[in-house]
């Protein structure tokens, strides 16, 4: 150990200085005793032993301090390693959470797409079911009409059978005494049969006419629905065409009132939203999605205000309080 290192150790640990002073005092006492009854060589030997003992003690102290310093460094390194491991675990945990979140979002999107597909399929099935129900309703109606006809025919046959049975019994009771009347009754029977046959033929003819009329009504109803749909499509297309013409007229009037700014670059454009009254007076102007500089935008706003009042629409259905168009002058 050099003198500066020893001085620093003594400054930090005053007890070392006290130990050295005590050793020197002990040495002085021994020297005094030895001066009285010993030779100079003996004194020198004792002094040398004491100095060697102090040096050995200082070296041991240095070794202990070095071991403490190394232990402290190892503890600090272990602490840093723990902190780094903790940060690594936290980063890995964040990555896992982000991965789970992305998986959940993907699953949510897939579930939404699946639900939309199921919804469309359900609408298609409901449409098919409605069509089947309509066809089934027509079929049931026809079956009902046929059933009513058969019931009427069965009732007539039953009634006729009862009449025939009654007539037969009457003939059997009065066969011998009333042959002439039987002949008359036979004639009436034939007439009744012919009348019944004619009546049944009329019923059949009436049923066929009713079926035909019902079929024709169904056809007319279907044609009416188709005509209404066609007219609606034509009306929608006409309104779209008129609205496009109306927006074109407004765009042209704004362009006619536009003054190109000095040094304006070509290819600049803006989406313009104009708010107007029913008489065409401009009460508001908004620009969005502009591919232009500030001077160009101000010139567009000024042109819109100057174009007030705007052209009147070709029809009341075409009017809209807010008109949007792209202003891109040639």
C-alpha atoms as a PDB file:
ATOM      1  CA  UNK A   1       0.000   0.000   0.000  1.00  0.00           C
ATOM      2  CA  UNK A   2       1.448   3.468  -0.935  1.00  0.00           C
ATOM      3  CA  UNK A   3       1.351   6.519   1.352  1.00  0.00           C
ATOM      4  CA  UNK A   4      -1.565   8.235  -0.433  1.00  0.00           C
ATOM      5  CA  UNK A   5      -3.719   5.078  -0.239  1.00  0.00           C
ATOM      6  CA  UNK A   6      -2.873   4.688   3.464  1.00  0.00           C
ATOM      7  CA  UNK A   7      -3.743   8.341   4.078  1.00  0.00           C
ATOM      8  CA  UNK A   8      -7.154   7.927   2.401  1.00  0.00           C
ATOM      9  CA  UNK A   9      -7.886   4.777   4.428  1.00  0.00           C
ATOM     10  CA  UNK A  10      -6.915   6.572   7.681  1.00  0.00           C
ATOM     11  CA  UNK A  11      -9.104   9.539   6.724  1.00  0.00           C
ATOM     12  CA  UNK A  12     -12.082   7.276   6.069  1.00  0.00           C
ATOM     13  CA  UNK A  13     -11.376   5.016   9.122  1.00  0.00           C
ATOM     14  CA  UNK A  14      -9.927   7.042  12.091  1.00  0.00           C
ATOM     15  CA  UNK A  15      -9.672   3.934  14.231  1.00  0.00           C
ATOM     16  CA  UNK A  16      -6.660   2.892  12.136  1.00  0.00           C
ATOM     17  CA  UNK A  17      -4.836   6.053  13.235  1.00  0.00           C
ATOM     18  CA  UNK A  18      -5.635   5.312  16.864  1.00  0.00           C
ATOM     19  CA  UNK A  19      -4.305   1.762  16.418  1.00  0.00           C
ATOM     20  CA  UNK A  20      -1.069   3.033  14.864  1.00  0.00           C
ATOM     21  CA  UNK A  21      -0.575   5.607  17.662  1.00  0.00           C
ATOM     22  CA  UNK A  22      -1.179   2.931  20.284  1.00  0.00           C
ATOM     23  CA  UNK A  23       1.369   0.653  18.620  1.00  0.00           C
ATOM     24  CA  UNK A  24       3.920   3.466  18.474  1.00  0.00           C
ATOM     25  CA  UNK A  25       3.352   4.276  22.151  1.00  0.00           C
ATOM     26  CA  UNK A  26       3.859   0.631  22.984  1.00  0.00           C
ATOM     27  CA  UNK A  27       6.987   0.643  20.883  1.00  0.00           C
ATOM     28  CA  UNK A  28       8.269   3.739  22.676  1.00  0.00           C
ATOM     29  CA  UNK A  29       7.655   2.078  26.030  1.00  0.00           C
ATOM     30  CA  UNK A  30       9.536  -1.017  24.976  1.00  0.00           C
ATOM     31  CA  UNK A  31      12.356   1.092  23.657  1.00  0.00           C
ATOM     32  CA  UNK A  32      12.595   2.901  26.979  1.00  0.00           C
ATOM     33  CA  UNK A  33      12.745  -0.338  28.867  1.00  0.00           C
ATOM     34  CA  UNK A  34      15.252  -1.852  26.506  1.00  0.00           C
ATOM     35  CA  UNK A  35      17.470   1.243  26.636  1.00  0.00           C
ATOM     36  CA  UNK A  36      17.817   0.662  30.308  1.00  0.00           C
ATOM     37  CA  UNK A  37      18.651  -3.056  30.217  1.00  0.00           C
ATOM     38  CA  UNK A  38      19.279  -4.131  26.586  1.00  0.00           C
ATOM     39  CA  UNK A  39      21.574  -3.536  23.688  1.00  0.00           C
ATOM     40  CA  UNK A  40      20.724  -1.366  20.628  1.00  0.00           C
ATOM     41  CA  UNK A  41      20.403  -4.439  18.420  1.00  0.00           C
ATOM     42  CA  UNK A  42      17.608  -5.776  20.581  1.00  0.00           C
ATOM     43  CA  UNK A  43      15.679  -2.482  20.308  1.00  0.00           C
ATOM     44  CA  UNK A  44      15.976  -2.443  16.540  1.00  0.00           C
ATOM     45  CA  UNK A  45      14.685  -6.015  16.294  1.00  0.00           C
ATOM     46  CA  UNK A  46      11.626  -5.267  18.414  1.00  0.00           C
ATOM     47  CA  UNK A  47      10.875  -2.128  16.368  1.00  0.00           C
ATOM     48  CA  UNK A  48      11.162  -4.074  13.157  1.00  0.00           C
ATOM     49  CA  UNK A  49       8.718  -6.733  14.446  1.00  0.00           C
ATOM     50  CA  UNK A  50       6.159  -4.070  15.385  1.00  0.00           C
ATOM     51  CA  UNK A  51       6.401  -2.366  11.961  1.00  0.00           C
ATOM     52  CA  UNK A  52       6.024  -5.706  10.206  1.00  0.00           C
ATOM     53  CA  UNK A  53       2.924  -6.447  12.310  1.00  0.00           C
ATOM     54  CA  UNK A  54       1.373  -3.089  11.329  1.00  0.00           C
ATOM     55  CA  UNK A  55       2.157  -3.724   7.654  1.00  0.00           C
ATOM     56  CA  UNK A  56       0.574  -7.199   7.799  1.00  0.00           C
ATOM     57  CA  UNK A  57      -2.534  -5.806   9.472  1.00  0.00           C
ATOM     58  CA  UNK A  58      -2.833  -3.073   6.779  1.00  0.00           C
ATOM     59  CA  UNK A  59      -2.520  -5.668   3.999  1.00  0.00           C
ATOM     60  CA  UNK A  60      -5.243  -7.781   5.591  1.00  0.00           C
ATOM     61  CA  UNK A  61      -7.444  -4.719   5.835  1.00  0.00           C
ATOM     62  CA  UNK A  62      -6.821  -3.923   2.137  1.00  0.00           C
ATOM     63  CA  UNK A  63      -7.701  -7.504   1.209  1.00  0.00           C
ATOM     64  CA  UNK A  64     -10.956  -7.341   3.205  1.00  0.00           C
ATOM     65  CA  UNK A  65     -11.874  -3.988   1.582  1.00  0.00           C
ATOM     66  CA  UNK A  66     -11.110  -5.436  -1.875  1.00  0.00           C
ATOM     67  CA  UNK A  67     -13.353  -8.425  -1.132  1.00  0.00           C
ATOM     68  CA  UNK A  68     -16.112  -6.076   0.063  1.00  0.00           C
ATOM     69  CA  UNK A  69     -15.748  -4.011  -3.130  1.00  0.00           C
ATOM     70  CA  UNK A  70     -15.915  -7.158  -5.306  1.00  0.00           C
ATOM     71  CA  UNK A  71     -18.985  -8.393  -3.374  1.00  0.00           C
ATOM     72  CA  UNK A  72     -20.652  -5.008  -3.838  1.00  0.00           C
ATOM     73  CA  UNK A  73     -19.895  -5.097  -7.600  1.00  0.00           C
ATOM     74  CA  UNK A  74     -21.306  -8.635  -7.850  1.00  0.00           C
ATOM     75  CA  UNK A  75     -24.464  -7.543  -5.976  1.00  0.00           C
ATOM     76  CA  UNK A  76     -24.892  -4.523  -8.271  1.00  0.00           C
ATOM     77  CA  UNK A  77     -24.400  -6.712 -11.380  1.00  0.00           C
ATOM     78  CA  UNK A  78     -26.931  -9.227 -10.033  1.00  0.00           C
ATOM     79  CA  UNK A  79     -29.407  -6.366  -9.424  1.00  0.00           C
ATOM     80  CA  UNK A  80     -28.880  -5.013 -12.966  1.00  0.00           C
ATOM     81  CA  UNK A  81     -29.355  -8.514 -14.374  1.00  0.00           C
ATOM     82  CA  UNK A  82     -32.629  -8.853 -12.442  1.00  0.00           C
ATOM     83  CA  UNK A  83     -33.848  -5.456 -13.725  1.00  0.00           C
ATOM     84  CA  UNK A  84     -32.939  -6.402 -17.331  1.00  0.00           C
ATOM     85  CA  UNK A  85     -34.681  -9.779 -16.947  1.00  0.00           C
ATOM     86  CA  UNK A  86     -37.771  -8.053 -15.530  1.00  0.00           C
ATOM     87  CA  UNK A  87     -37.836  -5.558 -18.441  1.00  0.00           C
ATOM     88  CA  UNK A  88     -37.444  -8.436 -20.898  1.00  0.00           C
ATOM     89  CA  UNK A  89     -40.351 -10.293 -19.259  1.00  0.00           C
ATOM     90  CA  UNK A  90     -42.501  -7.138 -19.374  1.00  0.00           C
ATOM     91  CA  UNK A  91     -41.661  -6.592 -23.061  1.00  0.00           C
ATOM     92  CA  UNK A  92     -42.521 -10.221 -23.821  1.00  0.00           C
ATOM     93  CA  UNK A  93     -45.777  -9.831 -21.887  1.00  0.00           C
ATOM     94  CA  UNK A  94     -46.648  -6.686 -23.885  1.00  0.00           C
ATOM     95  CA  UNK A  95     -45.892  -8.550 -27.120  1.00  0.00           C
ATOM     96  CA  UNK A  96     -48.192 -11.398 -26.048  1.00  0.00           C
ATOM     97  CA  UNK A  97     -50.968  -8.924 -25.127  1.00  0.00           C
ATOM     98  CA  UNK A  98     -50.608  -7.141 -28.499  1.00  0.00           C
ATOM     99  CA  UNK A  99     -50.652 -10.502 -30.304  1.00  0.00           C
ATOM    100  CA  UNK A 100     -53.803 -11.544 -28.433  1.00  0.00           C
ATOM    101  CA  UNK A 101     -55.401  -8.185 -29.246  1.00  0.00           C
ATOM    102  CA  UNK A 102     -54.601  -8.580 -32.968  1.00  0.00           C
ATOM    103  CA  UNK A 103     -55.965 -12.126 -32.928  1.00  0.00           C
ATOM    104  CA  UNK A 104     -59.139 -10.911 -31.179  1.00  0.00           C
ATOM    105  CA  UNK A 105     -59.603  -8.122 -33.744  1.00  0.00           C
ATOM    106  CA  UNK A 106     -59.078 -10.589 -36.623  1.00  0.00           C
ATOM    107  CA  UNK A 107     -61.546 -12.981 -35.042  1.00  0.00           C
ATOM    108  CA  UNK A 108     -64.028 -10.126 -34.586  1.00  0.00           C
ATOM    109  CA  UNK A 109     -63.719  -9.159 -38.265  1.00  0.00           C
ATOM    110  CA  UNK A 110     -64.151 -12.770 -39.349  1.00  0.00           C
ATOM    111  CA  UNK A 111     -67.199 -13.119 -37.077  1.00  0.00           C
ATOM    112  CA  UNK A 112     -68.680  -9.913 -38.539  1.00  0.00           C
ATOM    113  CA  UNK A 113     -68.147 -11.186 -42.102  1.00  0.00           C
ATOM    114  CA  UNK A 114     -69.712 -14.509 -41.156  1.00  0.00           C
ATOM    115  CA  UNK A 115     -72.756 -12.790 -39.641  1.00  0.00           C
ATOM    116  CA  UNK A 116     -73.176 -10.606 -42.725  1.00  0.00           C
ATOM    117  CA  UNK A 117     -73.025 -13.695 -44.918  1.00  0.00           C
ATOM    118  CA  UNK A 118     -75.586 -15.467 -42.724  1.00  0.00           C
ATOM    119  CA  UNK A 119     -77.810 -12.370 -42.826  1.00  0.00           C
ATOM    120  CA  UNK A 120     -77.738 -12.314 -46.638  1.00  0.00           C
ATOM    121  CA  UNK A 121     -78.430 -16.040 -46.779  1.00  0.00           C
ATOM    122  CA  UNK A 122     -81.332 -15.613 -44.365  1.00  0.00           C
ATOM    123  CA  UNK A 123     -82.817 -12.820 -46.493  1.00  0.00           C
ATOM    124  CA  UNK A 124     -82.508 -14.991 -49.599  1.00  0.00           C
ATOM    125  CA  UNK A 125     -84.197 -17.914 -47.837  1.00  0.00           C
ATOM    126  CA  UNK A 126     -86.955 -15.645 -46.522  1.00  0.00           C
ATOM    127  CA  UNK A 127     -87.576 -14.412 -50.069  1.00  0.00           C
ATOM    128  CA  UNK A 128     -87.770 -17.989 -51.348  1.00  0.00           C
ATOM    129  CA  UNK A 129     -90.097 -18.917 -48.497  1.00  0.00           C
ATOM    130  CA  UNK A 130     -92.323 -15.927 -49.289  1.00  0.00           C
ATOM    131  CA  UNK A 131     -92.479 -16.992 -52.932  1.00  0.00           C
ATOM    132  CA  UNK A 132     -93.282 -20.566 -51.929  1.00  0.00           C
ATOM    133  CA  UNK A 133     -95.965 -19.330 -49.541  1.00  0.00           C
ATOM    134  CA  UNK A 134     -97.530 -17.262 -52.297  1.00  0.00           C
ATOM    135  CA  UNK A 135     -97.527 -20.248 -54.660  1.00  0.00           C
ATOM    136  CA  UNK A 136     -98.867 -22.460 -51.897  1.00  0.00           C
ATOM    137  CA  UNK A 137    -101.627 -19.939 -51.167  1.00  0.00           C
ATOM    138  CA  UNK A 138    -102.704 -19.958 -54.816  1.00  0.00           C
ATOM    139  CA  UNK A 139    -102.593 -23.753 -54.812  1.00  0.00           C
ATOM    140  CA  UNK A 140    -104.664 -23.953 -51.614  1.00  0.00           C
ATOM    141  CA  UNK A 141    -107.179 -21.524 -53.066  1.00  0.00           C
ATOM    142  CA  UNK A 142    -107.569 -23.648 -56.174  1.00  0.00           C
ATOM    143  CA  UNK A 143    -107.850 -26.812 -54.071  1.00  0.00           C
ATOM    144  CA  UNK A 144    -110.483 -25.116 -51.924  1.00  0.00           C
ATOM    145  CA  UNK A 145    -112.520 -24.195 -54.989  1.00  0.00           C
ATOM    146  CA  UNK A 146    -112.262 -27.761 -56.294  1.00  0.00           C
ATOM    147  CA  UNK A 147    -113.215 -29.125 -52.860  1.00  0.00           C
ATOM    148  CA  UNK A 148    -116.274 -26.831 -52.706  1.00  0.00           C
ATOM    149  CA  UNK A 149    -117.271 -27.980 -56.184  1.00  0.00           C
ATOM    150  CA  UNK A 150    -116.907 -31.625 -55.213  1.00  0.00           C
ATOM    151  CA  UNK A 151    -118.899 -31.052 -52.016  1.00  0.00           C
ATOM    152  CA  UNK A 152    -121.656 -29.409 -54.016  1.00  0.00           C
ATOM    153  CA  UNK A 153    -121.683 -32.282 -56.489  1.00  0.00           C
ATOM    154  CA  UNK A 154    -121.705 -34.816 -53.642  1.00  0.00           C
ATOM    155  CA  UNK A 155    -124.590 -32.969 -51.965  1.00  0.00           C
ATOM    156  CA  UNK A 156    -126.502 -32.913 -55.224  1.00  0.00           C
ATOM    157  CA  UNK A 157    -125.859 -36.604 -55.773  1.00  0.00           C
ATOM    158  CA  UNK A 158    -126.915 -37.391 -52.237  1.00  0.00           C
ATOM    159  CA  UNK A 159    -130.035 -35.320 -52.643  1.00  0.00           C
ATOM    160  CA  UNK A 160    -130.751 -36.957 -55.984  1.00  0.00           C
ATOM    161  CA  UNK A 161    -130.214 -40.411 -54.471  1.00  0.00           C
ATOM    162  CA  UNK A 162    -132.680 -39.595 -51.731  1.00  0.00           C
ATOM    163  CA  UNK A 163    -135.187 -38.358 -54.320  1.00  0.00           C
ATOM    164  CA  UNK A 164    -134.650 -41.479 -56.418  1.00  0.00           C
ATOM    165  CA  UNK A 165    -135.134 -43.714 -53.397  1.00  0.00           C
ATOM    166  CA  UNK A 166    -138.310 -41.907 -52.437  1.00  0.00           C
ATOM    167  CA  UNK A 167    -139.590 -42.141 -55.964  1.00  0.00           C
ATOM    168  CA  UNK A 168    -138.803 -45.829 -56.153  1.00  0.00           C
ATOM    169  CA  UNK A 169    -140.699 -46.499 -52.941  1.00  0.00           C
ATOM    170  CA  UNK A 170    -143.592 -44.450 -54.147  1.00  0.00           C
ATOM    171  CA  UNK A 171    -143.607 -46.396 -57.418  1.00  0.00           C
ATOM    172  CA  UNK A 172    -143.532 -49.705 -55.538  1.00  0.00           C
ATOM    173  CA  UNK A 173    -146.497 -48.682 -53.358  1.00  0.00           C
ATOM    174  CA  UNK A 174    -148.554 -47.413 -56.268  1.00  0.00           C
ATOM    175  CA  UNK A 175    -147.268 -49.647 -59.093  1.00  0.00           C
ATOM    176  CA  UNK A 176    -150.442 -51.609 -59.666  1.00  0.00           C
ATOM    177  CA  UNK A 177    -152.966 -48.836 -59.155  1.00  0.00           C
ATOM    178  CA  UNK A 178    -151.108 -45.943 -60.705  1.00  0.00           C
ATOM    179  CA  UNK A 179    -149.322 -47.100 -63.904  1.00  0.00           C
ATOM    180  CA  UNK A 180    -150.324 -43.951 -65.692  1.00  0.00           C
ATOM    181  CA  UNK A 181    -148.930 -41.811 -62.952  1.00  0.00           C
ATOM    182  CA  UNK A 182    -145.734 -43.826 -62.994  1.00  0.00           C
ATOM    183  CA  UNK A 183    -145.367 -43.042 -66.651  1.00  0.00           C
ATOM    184  CA  UNK A 184    -145.885 -39.365 -65.856  1.00  0.00           C
ATOM    185  CA  UNK A 185    -143.428 -39.571 -63.023  1.00  0.00           C
ATOM    186  CA  UNK A 186    -140.928 -41.260 -65.306  1.00  0.00           C
ATOM    187  CA  UNK A 187    -141.302 -38.440 -67.728  1.00  0.00           C
ATOM    188  CA  UNK A 188    -140.810 -35.924 -64.939  1.00  0.00           C
ATOM    189  CA  UNK A 189    -137.778 -37.860 -63.770  1.00  0.00           C
ATOM    190  CA  UNK A 190    -136.220 -37.653 -67.180  1.00  0.00           C
ATOM    191  CA  UNK A 191    -136.975 -33.964 -67.345  1.00  0.00           C
ATOM    192  CA  UNK A 192    -135.489 -33.493 -63.878  1.00  0.00           C
ATOM    193  CA  UNK A 193    -132.383 -35.454 -64.868  1.00  0.00           C
ATOM    194  CA  UNK A 194    -131.968 -33.362 -67.956  1.00  0.00           C
ATOM    195  CA  UNK A 195    -132.472 -30.196 -65.946  1.00  0.00           C
ATOM    196  CA  UNK A 196    -129.968 -31.407 -63.349  1.00  0.00           C
ATOM    197  CA  UNK A 197    -127.512 -32.288 -66.065  1.00  0.00           C
ATOM    198  CA  UNK A 198    -127.967 -28.860 -67.589  1.00  0.00           C
ATOM    199  CA  UNK A 199    -127.605 -27.227 -64.189  1.00  0.00           C
ATOM    200  CA  UNK A 200    -124.399 -29.172 -63.493  1.00  0.00           C
ATOM    201  CA  UNK A 201    -123.075 -28.169 -66.880  1.00  0.00           C
ATOM    202  CA  UNK A 202    -123.855 -24.538 -66.054  1.00  0.00           C
ATOM    203  CA  UNK A 203    -122.064 -24.889 -62.710  1.00  0.00           C
ATOM    204  CA  UNK A 204    -119.019 -26.373 -64.402  1.00  0.00           C
ATOM    205  CA  UNK A 205    -119.074 -23.611 -66.992  1.00  0.00           C
ATOM    206  CA  UNK A 206    -119.360 -21.018 -64.222  1.00  0.00           C
ATOM    207  CA  UNK A 207    -116.458 -22.591 -62.296  1.00  0.00           C
ATOM    208  CA  UNK A 208    -114.255 -22.564 -65.373  1.00  0.00           C
ATOM    209  CA  UNK A 209    -115.157 -18.939 -66.012  1.00  0.00           C
ATOM    210  CA  UNK A 210    -114.317 -18.050 -62.389  1.00  0.00           C
ATOM    211  CA  UNK A 211    -110.957 -19.861 -62.609  1.00  0.00           C
ATOM    212  CA  UNK A 212    -110.170 -18.071 -65.845  1.00  0.00           C
ATOM    213  CA  UNK A 213    -111.132 -14.704 -64.349  1.00  0.00           C
ATOM    214  CA  UNK A 214    -108.992 -15.384 -61.259  1.00  0.00           C
ATOM    215  CA  UNK A 215    -106.023 -16.323 -63.453  1.00  0.00           C
ATOM    216  CA  UNK A 216    -106.487 -13.186 -65.557  1.00  0.00           C
ATOM    217  CA  UNK A 217    -106.695 -11.044 -62.404  1.00  0.00           C
ATOM    218  CA  UNK A 218    -103.444 -12.593 -61.165  1.00  0.00           C
ATOM    219  CA  UNK A 219    -101.758 -11.836 -64.474  1.00  0.00           C
ATOM    220  CA  UNK A 220    -103.055  -8.261 -64.464  1.00  0.00           C
ATOM    221  CA  UNK A 221    -101.850  -7.753 -60.869  1.00  0.00           C
ATOM    222  CA  UNK A 222     -98.399  -9.087 -61.735  1.00  0.00           C
ATOM    223  CA  UNK A 223     -98.235  -6.863 -64.836  1.00  0.00           C
ATOM    224  CA  UNK A 224     -99.288  -3.872 -62.717  1.00  0.00           C
ATOM    225  CA  UNK A 225     -96.487  -4.512 -60.199  1.00  0.00           C
ATOM    226  CA  UNK A 226     -93.939  -4.861 -63.001  1.00  0.00           C
ATOM    227  CA  UNK A 227     -95.160  -1.636 -64.624  1.00  0.00           C
ATOM    228  CA  UNK A 228     -94.926   0.233 -61.312  1.00  0.00           C
ATOM    229  CA  UNK A 229     -91.353  -1.035 -60.791  1.00  0.00           C
ATOM    230  CA  UNK A 230     -90.401   0.000 -64.326  1.00  0.00           C
ATOM    231  CA  UNK A 231     -91.895   3.465 -63.850  1.00  0.00           C
ATOM    232  CA  UNK A 232     -90.053   3.829 -60.547  1.00  0.00           C
ATOM    233  CA  UNK A 233     -86.741   2.909 -62.204  1.00  0.00           C
ATOM    234  CA  UNK A 234     -87.376   5.373 -64.992  1.00  0.00           C
ATOM    235  CA  UNK A 235     -88.284   8.070 -62.470  1.00  0.00           C
ATOM    236  CA  UNK A 236     -85.092   7.413 -60.459  1.00  0.00           C
ATOM    237  CA  UNK A 237     -82.935   7.530 -63.585  1.00  0.00           C
ATOM    238  CA  UNK A 238     -84.648  10.734 -64.701  1.00  0.00           C
ATOM    239  CA  UNK A 239     -84.093  12.374 -61.294  1.00  0.00           C
ATOM    240  CA  UNK A 240     -80.428  11.369 -61.345  1.00  0.00           C
ATOM    241  CA  UNK A 241     -80.010  12.808 -64.825  1.00  0.00           C
ATOM    242  CA  UNK A 242     -81.780  16.049 -63.872  1.00  0.00           C
ATOM    243  CA  UNK A 243     -79.699  16.359 -60.701  1.00  0.00           C
ATOM    244  CA  UNK A 244     -76.481  15.846 -62.705  1.00  0.00           C
ATOM    245  CA  UNK A 245     -77.602  18.581 -65.110  1.00  0.00           C
ATOM    246  CA  UNK A 246     -78.501  20.845 -62.168  1.00  0.00           C
ATOM    247  CA  UNK A 247     -75.060  20.360 -60.540  1.00  0.00           C
ATOM    248  CA  UNK A 248     -73.409  20.986 -63.932  1.00  0.00           C
ATOM    249  CA  UNK A 249     -75.289  24.301 -64.297  1.00  0.00           C
ATOM    250  CA  UNK A 250     -74.159  25.398 -60.823  1.00  0.00           C
ATOM    251  CA  UNK A 251     -70.557  24.341 -61.554  1.00  0.00           C
ATOM    252  CA  UNK A 252     -70.577  26.274 -64.823  1.00  0.00           C
ATOM    253  CA  UNK A 253     -71.910  29.435 -63.153  1.00  0.00           C
ATOM    254  CA  UNK A 254     -69.261  29.237 -60.427  1.00  0.00           C
ATOM    255  CA  UNK A 255     -66.547  28.766 -63.078  1.00  0.00           C
ATOM    256  CA  UNK A 256     -67.882  31.782 -64.997  1.00  0.00           C
ATOM    257  CA  UNK A 257     -67.480  33.890 -61.827  1.00  0.00           C
ATOM    258  CA  UNK A 258     -64.017  32.527 -61.007  1.00  0.00           C
ATOM    259  CA  UNK A 259     -60.954  34.718 -61.489  1.00  0.00           C
ATOM    260  CA  UNK A 260     -57.715  32.791 -61.860  1.00  0.00           C
ATOM    261  CA  UNK A 261     -55.190  33.987 -59.251  1.00  0.00           C
ATOM    262  CA  UNK A 262     -51.897  35.354 -60.530  1.00  0.00           C
ATOM    263  CA  UNK A 263     -49.302  32.587 -60.748  1.00  0.00           C
ATOM    264  CA  UNK A 264     -51.887  29.854 -60.129  1.00  0.00           C
ATOM    265  CA  UNK A 265     -50.640  26.354 -60.990  1.00  0.00           C
ATOM    266  CA  UNK A 266     -52.607  24.025 -63.244  1.00  0.00           C
ATOM    267  CA  UNK A 267     -54.351  20.866 -62.031  1.00  0.00           C
ATOM    268  CA  UNK A 268     -55.598  22.332 -58.711  1.00  0.00           C
ATOM    269  CA  UNK A 269     -59.037  21.277 -57.475  1.00  0.00           C
ATOM    270  CA  UNK A 270     -61.398  21.323 -54.479  1.00  0.00           C
ATOM    271  CA  UNK A 271     -64.542  19.540 -53.358  1.00  0.00           C
ATOM    272  CA  UNK A 272     -67.104  22.358 -52.837  1.00  0.00           C
ATOM    273  CA  UNK A 273     -70.193  22.073 -50.587  1.00  0.00           C
ATOM    274  CA  UNK A 274     -72.659  24.954 -51.086  1.00  0.00           C
ATOM    275  CA  UNK A 275     -75.599  25.638 -48.754  1.00  0.00           C
ATOM    276  CA  UNK A 276     -78.434  27.545 -50.454  1.00  0.00           C
ATOM    277  CA  UNK A 277     -81.999  28.728 -49.866  1.00  0.00           C
ATOM    278  CA  UNK A 278     -85.025  27.696 -51.926  1.00  0.00           C
ATOM    279  CA  UNK A 279     -84.476  30.783 -54.101  1.00  0.00           C
ATOM    280  CA  UNK A 280     -80.860  29.834 -54.862  1.00  0.00           C
ATOM    281  CA  UNK A 281     -79.194  32.345 -52.521  1.00  0.00           C
ATOM    282  CA  UNK A 282     -75.857  31.076 -51.199  1.00  0.00           C
ATOM    283  CA  UNK A 283     -75.720  31.082 -47.390  1.00  0.00           C
ATOM    284  CA  UNK A 284     -72.659  28.922 -46.817  1.00  0.00           C
ATOM    285  CA  UNK A 285     -69.534  27.591 -48.567  1.00  0.00           C
ATOM    286  CA  UNK A 286     -67.246  24.790 -47.392  1.00  0.00           C
ATOM    287  CA  UNK A 287     -64.181  23.325 -49.110  1.00  0.00           C
ATOM    288  CA  UNK A 288     -62.721  19.893 -48.516  1.00  0.00           C
ATOM    289  CA  UNK A 289     -60.268  17.444 -50.123  1.00  0.00           C
ATOM    290  CA  UNK A 290     -58.446  20.382 -51.764  1.00  0.00           C
ATOM    291  CA  UNK A 291     -55.422  19.710 -53.933  1.00  0.00           C
ATOM    292  CA  UNK A 292     -54.557  23.405 -54.052  1.00  0.00           C
ATOM    293  CA  UNK A 293     -52.856  26.265 -52.253  1.00  0.00           C
ATOM    294  CA  UNK A 294     -54.490  28.881 -50.010  1.00  0.00           C
ATOM    295  CA  UNK A 295     -54.824  31.494 -52.792  1.00  0.00           C
ATOM    296  CA  UNK A 296     -56.667  29.063 -55.035  1.00  0.00           C
ATOM    297  CA  UNK A 297     -59.064  28.087 -52.202  1.00  0.00           C
ATOM    298  CA  UNK A 298     -59.894  31.728 -51.479  1.00  0.00           C
ATOM    299  CA  UNK A 299     -60.565  32.362 -55.180  1.00  0.00           C
ATOM    300  CA  UNK A 300     -62.958  29.366 -55.283  1.00  0.00           C
ATOM    301  CA  UNK A 301     -64.897  30.593 -52.226  1.00  0.00           C
ATOM    302  CA  UNK A 302     -65.156  34.060 -53.763  1.00  0.00           C
ATOM    303  CA  UNK A 303     -66.446  32.612 -57.064  1.00  0.00           C
ATOM    304  CA  UNK A 304     -69.187  30.648 -55.240  1.00  0.00           C
ATOM    305  CA  UNK A 305     -70.385  33.735 -53.380  1.00  0.00           C
ATOM    306  CA  UNK A 306     -70.388  35.734 -56.613  1.00  0.00           C
ATOM    307  CA  UNK A 307     -72.465  33.023 -58.351  1.00  0.00           C
ATOM    308  CA  UNK A 308     -75.375  33.677 -55.918  1.00  0.00           C
ATOM    309  CA  UNK A 309     -78.229  33.275 -56.701  1.00  0.00           C
ATOM    310  CA  UNK A 310     -77.573  29.841 -58.155  1.00  0.00           C
ATOM    311  CA  UNK A 311     -79.533  28.463 -61.155  1.00  0.00           C
ATOM    312  CA  UNK A 312     -83.036  27.206 -60.357  1.00  0.00           C
ATOM    313  CA  UNK A 313     -83.501  23.412 -60.414  1.00  0.00           C
ATOM    314  CA  UNK A 314     -85.382  21.830 -63.360  1.00  0.00           C
ATOM    315  CA  UNK A 315     -87.939  20.437 -60.896  1.00  0.00           C
ATOM    316  CA  UNK A 316     -88.824  20.632 -57.164  1.00  0.00           C
ATOM    317  CA  UNK A 317     -87.719  17.035 -56.618  1.00  0.00           C
ATOM    318  CA  UNK A 318     -84.196  17.909 -57.788  1.00  0.00           C
ATOM    319  CA  UNK A 319     -83.650  20.774 -55.286  1.00  0.00           C
ATOM    320  CA  UNK A 320     -81.293  20.191 -52.361  1.00  0.00           C
ATOM    321  CA  UNK A 321     -80.153  22.656 -49.708  1.00  0.00           C
ATOM    322  CA  UNK A 322     -76.598  21.301 -49.931  1.00  0.00           C
ATOM    323  CA  UNK A 323     -74.954  20.853 -53.328  1.00  0.00           C
ATOM    324  CA  UNK A 324     -71.563  19.170 -53.646  1.00  0.00           C
ATOM    325  CA  UNK A 325     -69.370  19.281 -56.754  1.00  0.00           C
ATOM    326  CA  UNK A 326     -65.715  19.185 -57.790  1.00  0.00           C
ATOM    327  CA  UNK A 327     -64.256  22.516 -58.853  1.00  0.00           C
ATOM    328  CA  UNK A 328     -61.382  21.829 -61.264  1.00  0.00           C
ATOM    329  CA  UNK A 329     -61.081  24.623 -63.868  1.00  0.00           C
ATOM    330  CA  UNK A 330     -59.505  23.960 -67.224  1.00  0.00           C
END
